[in-house]
């Protein structure tokens, strides 16, 4: 589990194909690798991945074809949002995030408004029903609050801290983003489906 509070922006330094899967080496000196162990989970752009090797400044993960098929931002070198898994003693500053991506959206607007930024993301129609005004949505691993949803497009305000300390500083209109709906919405739907069976 994660919180959606990004700890640092790292960098995919190397992508090594293994058939249809791939191994990634991610530079993450500022993440603080001293407490990382083999088998730990780290969210990379909102995708929960397992550490297969590490040193003081980087770690490696294996990404399956199944994960590559439903996510974005893991196929090539470049910056990535990073967050270590939540410990029971940690603060829950964002919302509960699993690192299981529900779909890929597209940034339709990213513009400065005063000191903040307006972010609009086009959602896949299949997940729009799970997103509510003032609800939580995880975008590339970042816990964000939805200000408005019109049809399949959400509007979100980004504060300067989010712009400066996440991959949003590199984002532009047209970029694909990993999306994870709020965990509660997922279980509410399952319970309703169960009652109807």
Protein backbone atom coordinates (compact mmCIF):
# COMPACT_ATOMS: atom_id res chain seq x y z
CA UNK A 1 0.00 0.00 0.00
CA UNK A 2 1.02 3.57 -0.70
CA UNK A 3 -0.30 7.05 0.09
CA UNK A 4 0.15 8.85 -3.22
CA UNK A 5 2.54 11.31 -1.59
CA UNK A 6 5.56 11.25 -3.90
CA UNK A 7 8.87 10.99 -2.03
CA UNK A 8 11.16 11.90 -4.92
CA UNK A 9 11.48 11.97 -8.68
CA UNK A 10 13.90 9.28 -9.80
CA UNK A 11 15.00 8.26 -13.27
CA UNK A 12 14.71 5.06 -15.27
CA UNK A 13 18.35 4.76 -16.31
CA UNK A 14 18.21 1.43 -18.10
CA UNK A 15 15.55 -0.76 -19.72
CA UNK A 16 16.67 -4.35 -20.41
CA UNK A 17 14.25 -6.48 -22.45
CA UNK A 18 13.64 -10.06 -21.28
CA UNK A 19 11.42 -11.45 -24.00
CA UNK A 20 8.16 -9.52 -23.66
CA UNK A 21 9.02 -8.48 -20.09
CA UNK A 22 11.74 -6.04 -19.07
CA UNK A 23 14.04 -5.18 -16.19
CA UNK A 24 14.43 -1.55 -15.14
CA UNK A 25 17.30 0.07 -13.29
CA UNK A 26 16.04 3.18 -11.55
CA UNK A 27 18.32 5.87 -10.15
CA UNK A 28 16.90 6.91 -6.79
CA UNK A 29 19.64 8.30 -4.55
CA UNK A 30 17.24 10.79 -2.92
CA UNK A 31 14.72 8.06 -2.07
CA UNK A 32 16.92 6.84 0.78
CA UNK A 33 17.90 3.29 -0.01
CA UNK A 34 19.27 2.44 3.47
CA UNK A 35 16.05 0.70 4.59
CA UNK A 36 15.22 -0.98 1.26
CA UNK A 37 15.32 -4.78 1.14
CA UNK A 38 14.94 -7.36 -1.61
CA UNK A 39 11.26 -7.97 -2.23
CA UNK A 40 10.13 -4.52 -1.06
CA UNK A 41 7.47 -2.74 -3.06
CA UNK A 42 8.14 0.68 -4.56
CA UNK A 43 5.57 2.62 -6.59
CA UNK A 44 7.07 3.81 -9.88
CA UNK A 45 4.73 6.28 -11.61
CA UNK A 46 1.96 4.74 -9.53
CA UNK A 47 2.80 1.14 -10.46
CA UNK A 48 3.64 -1.21 -7.57
CA UNK A 49 6.90 -2.98 -8.48
CA UNK A 50 9.10 -5.41 -6.52
CA UNK A 51 12.76 -4.65 -5.80
CA UNK A 52 14.97 -7.41 -7.26
CA UNK A 53 18.35 -5.74 -6.63
CA UNK A 54 19.57 -2.46 -5.18
CA UNK A 55 22.56 -0.42 -4.06
CA UNK A 56 22.95 2.92 -2.28
CA UNK A 57 21.74 4.98 -5.23
CA UNK A 58 19.53 2.77 -7.43
CA UNK A 59 17.27 -0.27 -7.53
CA UNK A 60 16.11 -2.81 -10.08
CA UNK A 61 12.66 -4.21 -10.79
CA UNK A 62 11.21 -6.68 -13.27
CA UNK A 63 8.12 -5.58 -15.19
CA UNK A 64 5.90 -8.20 -16.80
CA UNK A 65 4.27 -7.87 -20.21
CA UNK A 66 0.89 -7.82 -18.45
CA UNK A 67 1.94 -4.70 -16.51
CA UNK A 68 3.55 -3.05 -19.53
CA UNK A 69 0.33 -3.56 -21.50
CA UNK A 70 -1.83 -1.59 -19.03
CA UNK A 71 0.55 1.17 -17.91
CA UNK A 72 2.57 4.01 -19.36
CA UNK A 73 5.96 5.54 -18.57
CA UNK A 74 7.88 2.31 -17.93
CA UNK A 75 9.00 1.52 -21.48
CA UNK A 76 11.94 3.92 -21.82
CA UNK A 77 14.49 5.92 -19.81
CA UNK A 78 13.23 9.10 -18.19
CA UNK A 79 11.94 10.65 -14.96
CA UNK A 80 9.49 8.76 -12.72
CA UNK A 81 7.60 9.46 -9.50
CA UNK A 82 8.77 7.23 -6.63
CA UNK A 83 7.21 6.24 -3.32
CA UNK A 84 8.21 3.48 -0.91
CA UNK A 85 5.47 1.26 0.49
CA UNK A 86 3.53 2.53 3.48
CA UNK A 87 4.51 1.30 6.95
CA UNK A 88 1.85 1.01 9.64
CA UNK A 89 3.57 3.77 11.62
CA UNK A 90 3.54 6.24 8.68
CA UNK A 91 1.17 9.16 8.26
CA UNK A 92 -1.52 8.72 5.64
CA UNK A 93 -1.17 12.10 3.99
CA UNK A 94 -2.88 11.23 0.71
CA UNK A 95 -5.25 8.30 0.32
CA UNK A 96 -4.85 4.53 0.19
CA UNK A 97 -3.18 3.60 -3.09
CA UNK A 98 -2.49 0.00 -4.16
CA UNK A 99 -0.24 0.61 -7.14
CA UNK A 100 -2.60 -1.41 -9.36
CA UNK A 101 -3.28 0.82 -12.36
CA UNK A 102 -6.91 0.92 -13.56
CA UNK A 103 -6.32 2.68 -16.85
CA UNK A 104 -4.34 5.19 -18.86
CA UNK A 105 -5.62 8.74 -19.23
CA UNK A 106 -4.43 11.68 -21.30
CA UNK A 107 -3.55 15.18 -20.10
CA UNK A 108 -5.83 17.56 -22.01
CA UNK A 109 -4.93 20.78 -20.16
CA UNK A 110 -2.03 21.85 -17.97
CA UNK A 111 -1.99 25.59 -17.44
CA UNK A 112 -0.89 28.03 -14.80
CA UNK A 113 -3.68 29.79 -12.90
CA UNK A 114 -2.25 32.29 -10.45
CA UNK A 115 0.27 30.41 -8.32
CA UNK A 116 -1.42 27.06 -8.92
CA UNK A 117 -1.96 24.95 -12.03
CA UNK A 118 -5.09 23.54 -13.64
CA UNK A 119 -4.75 19.91 -14.73
CA UNK A 120 -7.42 18.25 -16.86
CA UNK A 121 -7.22 14.56 -17.66
CA UNK A 122 -9.37 12.58 -20.10
CA UNK A 123 -10.30 9.31 -18.40
CA UNK A 124 -11.08 6.00 -20.05
CA UNK A 125 -14.89 5.80 -20.09
CA UNK A 126 -14.82 2.51 -18.16
CA UNK A 127 -13.37 4.13 -15.02
CA UNK A 128 -15.20 7.48 -15.10
CA UNK A 129 -18.07 6.10 -13.02
CA UNK A 130 -15.65 5.52 -10.12
CA UNK A 131 -14.51 9.16 -9.95
CA UNK A 132 -16.44 11.75 -7.95
CA UNK A 133 -16.17 15.47 -7.30
CA UNK A 134 -13.97 16.00 -4.21
CA UNK A 135 -12.94 12.36 -4.38
CA UNK A 136 -9.40 11.05 -4.74
CA UNK A 137 -7.70 9.99 -7.96
CA UNK A 138 -4.15 8.73 -8.29
CA UNK A 139 -2.38 10.18 -11.36
CA UNK A 140 1.10 8.73 -12.06
CA UNK A 141 1.23 7.79 -8.39
CA UNK A 142 0.19 11.23 -7.08
CA UNK A 143 -2.81 11.42 -4.75
CA UNK A 144 -4.97 14.24 -6.12
CA UNK A 145 -8.40 15.68 -5.32
CA UNK A 146 -10.91 15.92 -8.15
CA UNK A 147 -12.45 19.41 -8.33
CA UNK A 148 -14.85 18.64 -11.13
CA UNK A 149 -15.77 15.86 -13.53
CA UNK A 150 -17.58 16.54 -16.80
CA UNK A 151 -18.37 13.44 -18.84
CA UNK A 152 -15.00 11.62 -18.90
CA UNK A 153 -12.73 14.59 -18.09
CA UNK A 154 -11.57 15.53 -14.59
CA UNK A 155 -10.31 18.93 -13.44
CA UNK A 156 -7.71 19.06 -10.68
CA UNK A 157 -5.86 21.98 -9.08
CA UNK A 158 -2.15 21.45 -8.50
CA UNK A 159 -0.35 23.44 -5.83
CA UNK A 160 3.21 24.68 -6.47
CA UNK A 161 4.69 21.96 -4.21
CA UNK A 162 3.14 19.22 -6.37
CA UNK A 163 4.42 20.86 -9.55
CA UNK A 164 7.95 21.25 -8.15
CA UNK A 165 8.36 17.87 -6.43
CA UNK A 166 6.73 15.42 -8.83
CA UNK A 167 6.91 14.53 -12.51
CA UNK A 168 4.21 17.13 -13.14
CA UNK A 169 7.09 19.59 -13.64
CA UNK A 170 7.86 17.73 -16.90
CA UNK A 171 4.25 17.06 -18.00
CA UNK A 172 2.58 18.55 -21.05
CA UNK A 173 -0.73 18.38 -22.87
CA UNK A 174 -1.14 15.07 -24.68
CA UNK A 175 0.97 13.05 -22.22
CA UNK A 176 -0.45 9.68 -21.14
CA UNK A 177 -0.76 9.09 -17.37
CA UNK A 178 -1.36 6.06 -15.17
CA UNK A 179 -4.65 6.24 -13.27
CA UNK A 180 -5.83 4.42 -10.17
CA UNK A 181 -9.33 4.93 -8.83
CA UNK A 182 -10.08 5.25 -5.14
CA UNK A 183 -9.95 1.87 -3.42
CA UNK A 184 -13.29 2.45 -1.69
CA UNK A 185 -15.08 2.94 -5.03
CA UNK A 186 -13.71 -0.38 -6.25
CA UNK A 187 -15.09 -2.26 -3.23
CA UNK A 188 -18.45 -0.46 -3.26
CA UNK A 189 -19.02 -1.63 -6.83
CA UNK A 190 -18.04 -5.20 -5.94
CA UNK A 191 -20.42 -5.24 -2.98
CA UNK A 192 -23.28 -3.92 -5.14
CA UNK A 193 -22.58 -6.55 -7.79
CA UNK A 194 -22.50 -9.25 -5.10
CA UNK A 195 -25.90 -8.17 -3.77
CA UNK A 196 -27.40 -8.39 -7.27
CA UNK A 197 -26.14 -11.94 -7.88
